[in-house]
């Protein structure tokens, strides 16, 4: 989904105020919970380039202990 900076700012402001209903221009969205709002805020940050995201890879190496 494509998010805008205005939507991100409105959501962040609503979270700070403890409000679960957010208006984006002519749209009004009511979120179920604060955790849902925080998850969507995190998604917005990744999509808008505010926070790095994507897949994190960890490589594991090991030896048998023999030299």
PDB file of N, CA and C in Angstrom:
ATOM      1  N   UNK A   1       0.845  -1.177   0.000  1.00  0.00           N
ATOM      2  CA  UNK A   1       0.000   0.000   0.000  1.00  0.00           C
ATOM      3  C   UNK A   1       0.886   1.235   0.000  1.00  0.00           C
ATOM      4  N   UNK A   2       0.502   2.238  -0.739  1.00  0.00           N
ATOM      5  CA  UNK A   2       1.278   3.469  -0.819  1.00  0.00           C
ATOM      6  C   UNK A   2       0.810   4.436   0.259  1.00  0.00           C
ATOM      7  N   UNK A   3       1.740   4.836   1.093  1.00  0.00           N
ATOM      8  CA  UNK A   3       1.448   5.783   2.164  1.00  0.00           C
ATOM      9  C   UNK A   3       2.043   7.134   1.815  1.00  0.00           C
ATOM     10  N   UNK A   4       1.462   8.195   2.359  1.00  0.00           N
ATOM     11  CA  UNK A   4       1.992   9.535   2.140  1.00  0.00           C
ATOM     12  C   UNK A   4       2.558  10.077   3.451  1.00  0.00           C
ATOM     13  N   UNK A   5       3.344  11.124   3.330  1.00  0.00           N
ATOM     14  CA  UNK A   5       3.918  11.772   4.512  1.00  0.00           C
ATOM     15  C   UNK A   5       2.811  12.358   5.386  1.00  0.00           C
ATOM     16  N   UNK A   6       1.747  12.840   4.765  1.00  0.00           N
ATOM     17  CA  UNK A   6       0.621  13.409   5.521  1.00  0.00           C
ATOM     18  C   UNK A   6      -0.049  12.331   6.368  1.00  0.00           C
ATOM     19  N   UNK A   7      -0.247  11.142   5.791  1.00  0.00           N
ATOM     20  CA  UNK A   7      -0.843  10.031   6.544  1.00  0.00           C
ATOM     21  C   UNK A   7       0.045   9.637   7.715  1.00  0.00           C
ATOM     22  N   UNK A   8       1.357   9.602   7.471  1.00  0.00           N
ATOM     23  CA  UNK A   8       2.302   9.254   8.543  1.00  0.00           C
ATOM     24  C   UNK A   8       2.249  10.279   9.669  1.00  0.00           C
ATOM     25  N   UNK A   9       2.242  11.556   9.316  1.00  0.00           N
ATOM     26  CA  UNK A   9       2.195  12.619  10.326  1.00  0.00           C
ATOM     27  C   UNK A   9       0.899  12.556  11.127  1.00  0.00           C
ATOM     28  N   UNK A  10      -0.218  12.321  10.449  1.00  0.00           N
ATOM     29  CA  UNK A  10      -1.516  12.228  11.134  1.00  0.00           C
ATOM     30  C   UNK A  10      -1.554  11.039  12.080  1.00  0.00           C
ATOM     31  N   UNK A  11      -1.037   9.904  11.636  1.00  0.00           N
ATOM     32  CA  UNK A  11      -1.030   8.707  12.489  1.00  0.00           C
ATOM     33  C   UNK A  11      -0.125   8.906  13.703  1.00  0.00           C
ATOM     34  N   UNK A  12       1.041   9.479  13.493  1.00  0.00           N
ATOM     35  CA  UNK A  12       1.967   9.730  14.597  1.00  0.00           C
ATOM     36  C   UNK A  12       1.348  10.677  15.622  1.00  0.00           C
ATOM     37  N   UNK A  13       0.674  11.695  15.146  1.00  0.00           N
ATOM     38  CA  UNK A  13       0.003  12.648  16.035  1.00  0.00           C
ATOM     39  C   UNK A  13      -1.111  11.968  16.827  1.00  0.00           C
ATOM     40  N   UNK A  14      -1.883  11.116  16.176  1.00  0.00           N
ATOM     41  CA  UNK A  14      -2.972  10.403  16.854  1.00  0.00           C
ATOM     42  C   UNK A  14      -2.422   9.465  17.929  1.00  0.00           C
ATOM     43  N   UNK A  15      -1.324   8.787  17.626  1.00  0.00           N
ATOM     44  CA  UNK A  15      -0.706   7.892  18.614  1.00  0.00           C
ATOM     45  C   UNK A  15      -0.271   8.688  19.828  1.00  0.00           C
ATOM     46  N   UNK A  16       0.350   9.837  19.595  1.00  0.00           N
ATOM     47  CA  UNK A  16       0.820  10.678  20.702  1.00  0.00           C
ATOM     48  C   UNK A  16      -0.335  11.183  21.573  1.00  0.00           C
ATOM     49  N   UNK A  17      -1.489  11.404  20.968  1.00  0.00           N
ATOM     50  CA  UNK A  17      -2.648  11.905  21.701  1.00  0.00           C
ATOM     51  C   UNK A  17      -3.522  10.798  22.271  1.00  0.00           C
ATOM     52  N   UNK A  18      -3.268   9.555  21.889  1.00  0.00           N
ATOM     53  CA  UNK A  18      -4.075   8.440  22.364  1.00  0.00           C
ATOM     54  C   UNK A  18      -5.405   8.318  21.659  1.00  0.00           C
ATOM     55  N   UNK A  19      -5.479   8.812  20.438  1.00  0.00           N
ATOM     56  CA  UNK A  19      -6.718   8.787  19.655  1.00  0.00           C
ATOM     57  C   UNK A  19      -6.646   7.626  18.671  1.00  0.00           C
ATOM     58  N   UNK A  20      -7.736   6.880  18.538  1.00  0.00           N
ATOM     59  CA  UNK A  20      -7.734   5.749  17.607  1.00  0.00           C
ATOM     60  C   UNK A  20      -8.434   6.057  16.283  1.00  0.00           C
ATOM     61  N   UNK A  21      -9.018   7.247  16.134  1.00  0.00           N
ATOM     62  CA  UNK A  21      -9.634   7.647  14.872  1.00  0.00           C
ATOM     63  C   UNK A  21      -8.781   8.732  14.238  1.00  0.00           C
ATOM     64  N   UNK A  22      -8.404   8.509  12.983  1.00  0.00           N
ATOM     65  CA  UNK A  22      -7.510   9.420  12.277  1.00  0.00           C
ATOM     66  C   UNK A  22      -8.173   9.873  10.989  1.00  0.00           C
ATOM     67  N   UNK A  23      -8.044  11.171  10.676  1.00  0.00           N
ATOM     68  CA  UNK A  23      -8.580  11.715   9.435  1.00  0.00           C
ATOM     69  C   UNK A  23      -7.422  12.035   8.501  1.00  0.00           C
ATOM     70  N   UNK A  24      -7.550  11.557   7.245  1.00  0.00           N
ATOM     71  CA  UNK A  24      -6.606  11.849   6.169  1.00  0.00           C
ATOM     72  C   UNK A  24      -7.384  12.555   5.074  1.00  0.00           C
ATOM     73  N   UNK A  25      -7.415  13.855   5.083  1.00  0.00           N
ATOM     74  CA  UNK A  25      -8.184  14.584   4.070  1.00  0.00           C
ATOM     75  C   UNK A  25      -9.663  14.291   4.215  1.00  0.00           C
ATOM     76  N   UNK A  26     -10.249  13.620   3.221  1.00  0.00           N
ATOM     77  CA  UNK A  26     -11.674  13.301   3.271  1.00  0.00           C
ATOM     78  C   UNK A  26     -11.955  11.900   3.815  1.00  0.00           C
ATOM     79  N   UNK A  27     -10.902  11.176   4.213  1.00  0.00           N
ATOM     80  CA  UNK A  27     -11.069   9.820   4.756  1.00  0.00           C
ATOM     81  C   UNK A  27     -10.948   9.829   6.272  1.00  0.00           C
ATOM     82  N   UNK A  28     -11.653   8.897   6.910  1.00  0.00           N
ATOM     83  CA  UNK A  28     -11.566   8.737   8.358  1.00  0.00           C
ATOM     84  C   UNK A  28     -11.389   7.254   8.665  1.00  0.00           C
ATOM     85  N   UNK A  29     -10.364   6.919   9.427  1.00  0.00           N
ATOM     86  CA  UNK A  29     -10.069   5.531   9.751  1.00  0.00           C
ATOM     87  C   UNK A  29     -10.064   5.375  11.265  1.00  0.00           C
ATOM     88  N   UNK A  30     -10.756   4.340  11.750  1.00  0.00           N
ATOM     89  CA  UNK A  30     -10.745   4.012  13.171  1.00  0.00           C
ATOM     90  C   UNK A  30      -9.978   2.713  13.346  1.00  0.00           C
ATOM     91  N   UNK A  31      -8.894   2.780  14.115  1.00  0.00           N
ATOM     92  CA  UNK A  31      -8.053   1.613  14.359  1.00  0.00           C
ATOM     93  C   UNK A  31      -8.581   0.844  15.559  1.00  0.00           C
ATOM     94  N   UNK A  32      -8.294  -0.453  15.608  1.00  0.00           N
ATOM     95  CA  UNK A  32      -8.786  -1.302  16.692  1.00  0.00           C
ATOM     96  C   UNK A  32      -8.011  -1.112  17.984  1.00  0.00           C
ATOM     97  N   UNK A  33      -6.695  -0.868  17.849  1.00  0.00           N
ATOM     98  CA  UNK A  33      -5.874  -0.790  19.062  1.00  0.00           C
ATOM     99  C   UNK A  33      -4.611   0.012  18.791  1.00  0.00           C
ATOM    100  N   UNK A  34      -3.923   0.353  19.871  1.00  0.00           N
ATOM    101  CA  UNK A  34      -2.655   1.051  19.765  1.00  0.00           C
ATOM    102  C   UNK A  34      -1.605   0.167  19.086  1.00  0.00           C
ATOM    103  N   UNK A  35      -1.625  -1.132  19.370  1.00  0.00           N
ATOM    104  CA  UNK A  35      -0.643  -2.022  18.754  1.00  0.00           C
ATOM    105  C   UNK A  35      -0.823  -2.076  17.238  1.00  0.00           C
ATOM    106  N   UNK A  36      -2.066  -2.039  16.759  1.00  0.00           N
ATOM    107  CA  UNK A  36      -2.312  -2.003  15.317  1.00  0.00           C
ATOM    108  C   UNK A  36      -1.758  -0.710  14.723  1.00  0.00           C
ATOM    109  N   UNK A  37      -1.963   0.402  15.417  1.00  0.00           N
ATOM    110  CA  UNK A  37      -1.467   1.689  14.940  1.00  0.00           C
ATOM    111  C   UNK A  37       0.061   1.700  14.887  1.00  0.00           C
ATOM    112  N   UNK A  38       0.705   1.134  15.886  1.00  0.00           N
ATOM    113  CA  UNK A  38       2.166   1.099  15.911  1.00  0.00           C
ATOM    114  C   UNK A  38       2.722   0.212  14.802  1.00  0.00           C
ATOM    115  N   UNK A  39       2.038  -0.892  14.517  1.00  0.00           N
ATOM    116  CA  UNK A  39       2.473  -1.782  13.432  1.00  0.00           C
ATOM    117  C   UNK A  39       2.378  -1.071  12.090  1.00  0.00           C
ATOM    118  N   UNK A  40       1.274  -0.378  11.862  1.00  0.00           N
ATOM    119  CA  UNK A  40       1.094   0.348  10.613  1.00  0.00           C
ATOM    120  C   UNK A  40       2.078   1.503  10.520  1.00  0.00           C
ATOM    121  N   UNK A  41       2.344   2.169  11.638  1.00  0.00           N
ATOM    122  CA  UNK A  41       3.333   3.258  11.651  1.00  0.00           C
ATOM    123  C   UNK A  41       4.704   2.724  11.249  1.00  0.00           C
ATOM    124  N   UNK A  42       5.055   1.562  11.750  1.00  0.00           N
ATOM    125  CA  UNK A  42       6.327   0.940  11.389  1.00  0.00           C
ATOM    126  C   UNK A  42       6.371   0.605   9.902  1.00  0.00           C
ATOM    127  N   UNK A  43       5.271   0.085   9.360  1.00  0.00           N
ATOM    128  CA  UNK A  43       5.187  -0.199   7.926  1.00  0.00           C
ATOM    129  C   UNK A  43       5.357   1.088   7.110  1.00  0.00           C
ATOM    130  N   UNK A  44       4.723   2.163   7.569  1.00  0.00           N
ATOM    131  CA  UNK A  44       4.838   3.446   6.884  1.00  0.00           C
ATOM    132  C   UNK A  44       6.282   3.945   6.878  1.00  0.00           C
ATOM    133  N   UNK A  45       6.955   3.797   8.032  1.00  0.00           N
ATOM    134  CA  UNK A  45       8.339   4.264   8.143  1.00  0.00           C
ATOM    135  C   UNK A  45       9.254   3.542   7.161  1.00  0.00           C
ATOM    136  N   UNK A  46       9.039   2.241   6.998  1.00  0.00           N
ATOM    137  CA  UNK A  46       9.846   1.470   6.050  1.00  0.00           C
ATOM    138  C   UNK A  46       9.543   1.928   4.624  1.00  0.00           C
ATOM    139  N   UNK A  47       8.264   2.051   4.285  1.00  0.00           N
ATOM    140  CA  UNK A  47       7.880   2.422   2.929  1.00  0.00           C
ATOM    141  C   UNK A  47       8.321   3.841   2.563  1.00  0.00           C
ATOM    142  N   UNK A  48       8.256   4.753   3.528  1.00  0.00           N
ATOM    143  CA  UNK A  48       8.644   6.140   3.270  1.00  0.00           C
ATOM    144  C   UNK A  48      10.152   6.360   3.379  1.00  0.00           C
ATOM    145  N   UNK A  49      10.886   5.339   3.791  1.00  0.00           N
ATOM    146  CA  UNK A  49      12.336   5.461   3.900  1.00  0.00           C
ATOM    147  C   UNK A  49      12.806   6.129   5.171  1.00  0.00           C
ATOM    148  N   UNK A  50      11.927   6.242   6.153  1.00  0.00           N
ATOM    149  CA  UNK A  50      12.285   6.859   7.434  1.00  0.00           C
ATOM    150  C   UNK A  50      13.088   5.877   8.286  1.00  0.00           C
ATOM    151  N   UNK A  51      12.728   4.613   8.195  1.00  0.00           N
ATOM    152  CA  UNK A  51      13.387   3.556   8.961  1.00  0.00           C
ATOM    153  C   UNK A  51      13.789   2.443   8.004  1.00  0.00           C
ATOM    154  N   UNK A  52      15.036   1.968   8.112  1.00  0.00           N
ATOM    155  CA  UNK A  52      15.415   0.860   7.234  1.00  0.00           C
ATOM    156  C   UNK A  52      14.595  -0.386   7.546  1.00  0.00           C
ATOM    157  N   UNK A  53      14.286  -1.131   6.534  1.00  0.00           N
ATOM    158  CA  UNK A  53      13.499  -2.340   6.726  1.00  0.00           C
ATOM    159  C   UNK A  53      13.971  -3.419   5.792  1.00  0.00           C
ATOM    160  N   UNK A  54      13.130  -4.355   5.579  1.00  0.00           N
ATOM    161  CA  UNK A  54      13.463  -5.444   4.682  1.00  0.00           C
ATOM    162  C   UNK A  54      13.854  -6.682   5.455  1.00  0.00           C
ATOM    163  N   UNK A  55      14.482  -7.581   4.744  1.00  0.00           N
ATOM    164  CA  UNK A  55      14.846  -8.869   5.319  1.00  0.00           C
ATOM    165  C   UNK A  55      16.209  -8.760   5.991  1.00  0.00           C
ATOM    166  N   UNK A  56      16.283  -9.225   7.198  1.00  0.00           N
ATOM    167  CA  UNK A  56      17.556  -9.268   7.914  1.00  0.00           C
ATOM    168  C   UNK A  56      18.075 -10.692   7.840  1.00  0.00           C
ATOM    169  N   UNK A  57      19.300 -10.827   7.398  1.00  0.00           N
ATOM    170  CA  UNK A  57      19.886 -12.157   7.278  1.00  0.00           C
ATOM    171  C   UNK A  57      20.996 -12.320   8.290  1.00  0.00           C
ATOM    172  N   UNK A  58      21.058 -13.477   8.898  1.00  0.00           N
ATOM    173  CA  UNK A  58      22.115 -13.827   9.832  1.00  0.00           C
ATOM    174  C   UNK A  58      22.783 -15.091   9.325  1.00  0.00           C
ATOM    175  N   UNK A  59      24.087 -15.045   9.245  1.00  0.00           N
ATOM    176  CA  UNK A  59      24.843 -16.210   8.785  1.00  0.00           C
ATOM    177  C   UNK A  59      25.545 -16.834   9.966  1.00  0.00           C
ATOM    178  N   UNK A  60      25.467 -18.131  10.057  1.00  0.00           N
ATOM    179  CA  UNK A  60      26.066 -18.875  11.152  1.00  0.00           C
ATOM    180  C   UNK A  60      27.183 -19.740  10.570  1.00  0.00           C
ATOM    181  N   UNK A  61      28.319 -19.716  11.240  1.00  0.00           N
ATOM    182  CA  UNK A  61      29.391 -20.604  10.819  1.00  0.00           C
ATOM    183  C   UNK A  61      29.868 -21.396  12.038  1.00  0.00           C
ATOM    184  N   UNK A  62      30.394 -22.561  11.796  1.00  0.00           N
ATOM    185  CA  UNK A  62      30.867 -23.388  12.902  1.00  0.00           C
ATOM    186  C   UNK A  62      32.005 -24.283  12.410  1.00  0.00           C
ATOM    187  N   UNK A  63      32.739 -24.779  13.345  1.00  0.00           N
ATOM    188  CA  UNK A  63      33.809 -25.736  13.035  1.00  0.00           C
ATOM    189  C   UNK A  63      33.663 -26.933  13.960  1.00  0.00           C
ATOM    190  N   UNK A  64      34.334 -27.990  13.610  1.00  0.00           N
ATOM    191  CA  UNK A  64      34.298 -29.180  14.457  1.00  0.00           C
ATOM    192  C   UNK A  64      35.298 -29.081  15.598  1.00  0.00           C
ATOM    193  N   UNK A  65      36.097 -28.052  15.589  1.00  0.00           N
ATOM    194  CA  UNK A  65      37.076 -27.875  16.649  1.00  0.00           C
ATOM    195  C   UNK A  65      38.387 -28.580  16.363  1.00  0.00           C
ATOM    196  N   UNK A  66      38.516 -29.202  15.200  1.00  0.00           N
ATOM    197  CA  UNK A  66      39.733 -29.894  14.819  1.00  0.00           C
ATOM    198  C   UNK A  66      40.621 -28.974  14.002  1.00  0.00           C
ATOM    199  N   UNK A  67      41.931 -29.111  14.237  1.00  0.00           N
ATOM    200  CA  UNK A  67      42.864 -28.266  13.465  1.00  0.00           C
ATOM    201  C   UNK A  67      43.719 -29.099  12.570  1.00  0.00           C
TER     202      UNK A  67
END
